[in-house]
């Protein structure tokens, strides 16, 4: 009984450690979009580009233009 309890407690501690490491990595990471936008060139390009398709008032679909 003591061996099983020790095994379960060590598994619980290991799971908490892994979850804590994953949470810490998510909090401390910077996405590439943020780092690209902070340099100015790519972010300025995205802000200056017009939207290719504006949504209609219902906001559900983007109508296709027939050629």
N, C-alpha and C. Protein backbone atom coordinates (compact mmCIF):
# COMPACT_ATOMS: atom_id res chain seq x y z
N UNK A 1 0.83 -1.19 0.00
CA UNK A 1 0.00 0.00 0.00
C UNK A 1 0.88 1.25 0.00
N UNK A 2 1.97 1.24 0.76
CA UNK A 2 2.83 2.42 0.80
C UNK A 2 3.53 2.65 -0.52
N UNK A 3 3.88 1.56 -1.22
CA UNK A 3 4.55 1.70 -2.51
C UNK A 3 3.63 2.37 -3.54
N UNK A 4 2.36 1.96 -3.56
CA UNK A 4 1.41 2.54 -4.49
C UNK A 4 1.17 4.02 -4.17
N UNK A 5 1.08 4.34 -2.91
CA UNK A 5 0.89 5.73 -2.51
C UNK A 5 2.08 6.60 -2.91
N UNK A 6 3.27 6.07 -2.68
CA UNK A 6 4.49 6.79 -3.07
C UNK A 6 4.55 6.97 -4.58
N UNK A 7 4.18 5.95 -5.32
CA UNK A 7 4.18 6.01 -6.77
C UNK A 7 3.17 7.03 -7.28
N UNK A 8 1.97 7.05 -6.70
CA UNK A 8 0.96 8.01 -7.12
C UNK A 8 1.36 9.45 -6.77
N UNK A 9 1.95 9.63 -5.61
CA UNK A 9 2.39 10.98 -5.22
C UNK A 9 3.52 11.48 -6.12
N UNK A 10 4.45 10.59 -6.46
CA UNK A 10 5.53 11.02 -7.34
C UNK A 10 5.01 11.30 -8.75
N UNK A 11 4.02 10.55 -9.21
CA UNK A 11 3.39 10.83 -10.50
C UNK A 11 2.67 12.17 -10.48
N UNK A 12 1.99 12.46 -9.40
CA UNK A 12 1.30 13.74 -9.26
C UNK A 12 2.29 14.90 -9.28
N UNK A 13 3.39 14.76 -8.57
CA UNK A 13 4.42 15.81 -8.54
C UNK A 13 5.04 15.98 -9.92
N UNK A 14 5.29 14.89 -10.62
CA UNK A 14 5.85 14.97 -11.97
C UNK A 14 4.89 15.66 -12.92
N UNK A 15 3.60 15.35 -12.82
CA UNK A 15 2.60 16.00 -13.68
C UNK A 15 2.50 17.49 -13.37
N UNK A 16 2.54 17.85 -12.10
CA UNK A 16 2.52 19.27 -11.73
C UNK A 16 3.75 19.99 -12.26
N UNK A 17 4.89 19.35 -12.20
CA UNK A 17 6.13 19.95 -12.70
C UNK A 17 6.06 20.17 -14.21
N UNK A 18 5.58 19.18 -14.94
CA UNK A 18 5.46 19.32 -16.40
C UNK A 18 4.45 20.41 -16.76
N UNK A 19 3.32 20.44 -16.07
CA UNK A 19 2.32 21.48 -16.34
C UNK A 19 2.87 22.86 -16.02
N UNK A 20 3.60 22.97 -14.95
CA UNK A 20 4.21 24.26 -14.60
C UNK A 20 5.24 24.71 -15.62
N UNK A 21 6.04 23.78 -16.13
CA UNK A 21 7.02 24.13 -17.15
C UNK A 21 6.34 24.56 -18.46
N UNK A 22 5.28 23.88 -18.83
CA UNK A 22 4.55 24.25 -20.05
C UNK A 22 3.90 25.61 -19.88
N UNK A 23 3.29 25.86 -18.74
CA UNK A 23 2.67 27.16 -18.49
C UNK A 23 3.71 28.28 -18.50
N UNK A 24 4.85 28.03 -17.89
CA UNK A 24 5.93 29.02 -17.91
C UNK A 24 6.44 29.30 -19.30
N UNK A 25 6.54 28.27 -20.14
CA UNK A 25 6.98 28.47 -21.51
C UNK A 25 5.96 29.26 -22.31
N UNK A 26 4.67 29.02 -22.06
CA UNK A 26 3.64 29.78 -22.79
C UNK A 26 3.62 31.24 -22.37
N UNK A 27 3.84 31.50 -21.11
CA UNK A 27 3.81 32.88 -20.63
C UNK A 27 5.03 33.66 -21.11
N UNK A 28 6.18 33.03 -21.16
CA UNK A 28 7.41 33.72 -21.50
C UNK A 28 7.72 33.77 -22.99
N UNK A 29 6.95 33.08 -23.82
CA UNK A 29 7.26 33.05 -25.25
C UNK A 29 6.69 34.27 -25.95
N UNK A 30 7.37 34.67 -27.03
CA UNK A 30 6.88 35.75 -27.89
C UNK A 30 6.55 35.14 -29.24
N UNK A 31 5.38 35.47 -29.76
CA UNK A 31 5.01 34.92 -31.05
C UNK A 31 5.75 35.66 -32.16
N UNK A 32 5.84 35.04 -33.32
CA UNK A 32 6.54 35.65 -34.44
C UNK A 32 5.77 36.85 -34.98
N UNK A 33 4.46 36.84 -34.86
CA UNK A 33 3.67 37.98 -35.36
C UNK A 33 3.99 39.23 -34.55
N UNK A 34 4.17 39.08 -33.25
CA UNK A 34 4.49 40.24 -32.42
C UNK A 34 5.89 40.74 -32.75
N UNK A 35 6.83 39.83 -32.93
CA UNK A 35 8.18 40.28 -33.23
C UNK A 35 8.28 40.87 -34.63
N UNK A 36 7.50 40.37 -35.59
CA UNK A 36 7.50 40.96 -36.93
C UNK A 36 6.86 42.34 -36.93
N UNK A 37 5.77 42.48 -36.19
CA UNK A 37 5.07 43.77 -36.17
C UNK A 37 5.88 44.83 -35.44
N UNK A 38 6.72 44.44 -34.52
CA UNK A 38 7.49 45.43 -33.78
C UNK A 38 8.61 46.04 -34.62
N UNK A 39 9.06 45.34 -35.67
CA UNK A 39 10.11 45.88 -36.52
C UNK A 39 9.59 46.97 -37.46
N UNK A 40 8.32 46.96 -37.74
CA UNK A 40 7.73 48.06 -38.50
C UNK A 40 7.50 47.77 -39.96
N UNK A 41 8.36 47.08 -40.64
CA UNK A 41 8.20 46.93 -42.08
C UNK A 41 7.01 46.03 -42.43
N UNK A 42 6.95 44.85 -41.85
CA UNK A 42 5.85 43.94 -42.15
C UNK A 42 4.54 44.45 -41.53
N UNK A 43 4.62 44.98 -40.33
CA UNK A 43 3.41 45.51 -39.68
C UNK A 43 2.85 46.71 -40.42
N UNK A 44 3.72 47.58 -40.92
CA UNK A 44 3.26 48.74 -41.68
C UNK A 44 2.63 48.29 -42.98
N UNK A 45 3.18 47.27 -43.60
CA UNK A 45 2.62 46.75 -44.83
C UNK A 45 1.22 46.19 -44.60
N UNK A 46 1.04 45.46 -43.51
CA UNK A 46 -0.29 44.90 -43.22
C UNK A 46 -1.31 45.99 -42.89
N UNK A 47 -0.88 47.02 -42.20
CA UNK A 47 -1.82 48.09 -41.86
C UNK A 47 -2.20 48.92 -43.08
N UNK A 48 -1.28 49.06 -44.03
CA UNK A 48 -1.55 49.88 -45.22
C UNK A 48 -2.32 49.12 -46.29
N UNK A 49 -2.30 47.80 -46.25
CA UNK A 49 -2.98 47.01 -47.29
C UNK A 49 -4.48 47.05 -47.08
N UNK A 50 -5.23 47.28 -48.16
CA UNK A 50 -6.70 47.29 -48.02
C UNK A 50 -7.22 45.87 -47.85
N UNK A 51 -8.37 45.76 -47.25
CA UNK A 51 -8.98 44.45 -47.06
C UNK A 51 -9.45 43.92 -48.42
N UNK A 52 -9.18 42.66 -48.68
CA UNK A 52 -9.55 42.10 -49.97
C UNK A 52 -11.05 41.83 -50.05
N UNK A 53 -11.68 41.64 -48.93
CA UNK A 53 -13.11 41.35 -48.93
C UNK A 53 -13.72 41.95 -47.67
N UNK A 54 -14.66 42.84 -47.87
CA UNK A 54 -15.36 43.39 -46.70
C UNK A 54 -16.61 42.56 -46.45
N UNK A 55 -16.90 42.33 -45.22
CA UNK A 55 -18.05 41.51 -44.88
C UNK A 55 -19.34 42.29 -45.08
N UNK A 56 -20.39 41.63 -45.54
CA UNK A 56 -21.69 42.29 -45.64
C UNK A 56 -22.24 42.58 -44.26
N UNK A 57 -23.34 43.34 -44.20
CA UNK A 57 -23.88 43.72 -42.87
C UNK A 57 -24.21 42.54 -41.96
N UNK A 58 -24.60 41.39 -42.55
CA UNK A 58 -24.91 40.26 -41.67
C UNK A 58 -23.65 39.60 -41.12
N UNK A 59 -22.49 39.83 -41.74
CA UNK A 59 -21.23 39.33 -41.23
C UNK A 59 -21.04 37.84 -41.33
N UNK A 60 -21.82 37.18 -42.18
CA UNK A 60 -21.77 35.72 -42.24
C UNK A 60 -20.88 35.23 -43.37
N UNK A 61 -21.08 35.76 -44.57
CA UNK A 61 -20.33 35.26 -45.73
C UNK A 61 -19.65 36.42 -46.44
N UNK A 62 -18.66 36.08 -47.21
CA UNK A 62 -17.98 37.04 -48.05
C UNK A 62 -18.39 36.73 -49.48
N UNK A 63 -19.14 37.60 -50.14
CA UNK A 63 -19.62 37.28 -51.50
C UNK A 63 -18.48 37.22 -52.50
N UNK A 64 -18.57 36.24 -53.42
CA UNK A 64 -17.57 36.13 -54.47
C UNK A 64 -17.98 36.97 -55.65
N UNK A 65 -16.97 37.55 -56.30
CA UNK A 65 -17.24 38.34 -57.49
C UNK A 65 -17.13 37.44 -58.70
N UNK A 66 -18.18 37.42 -59.50
CA UNK A 66 -18.20 36.63 -60.72
C UNK A 66 -17.53 37.41 -61.83
N UNK A 67 -16.64 36.76 -62.58
CA UNK A 67 -15.96 37.44 -63.68
C UNK A 67 -16.66 37.23 -64.99
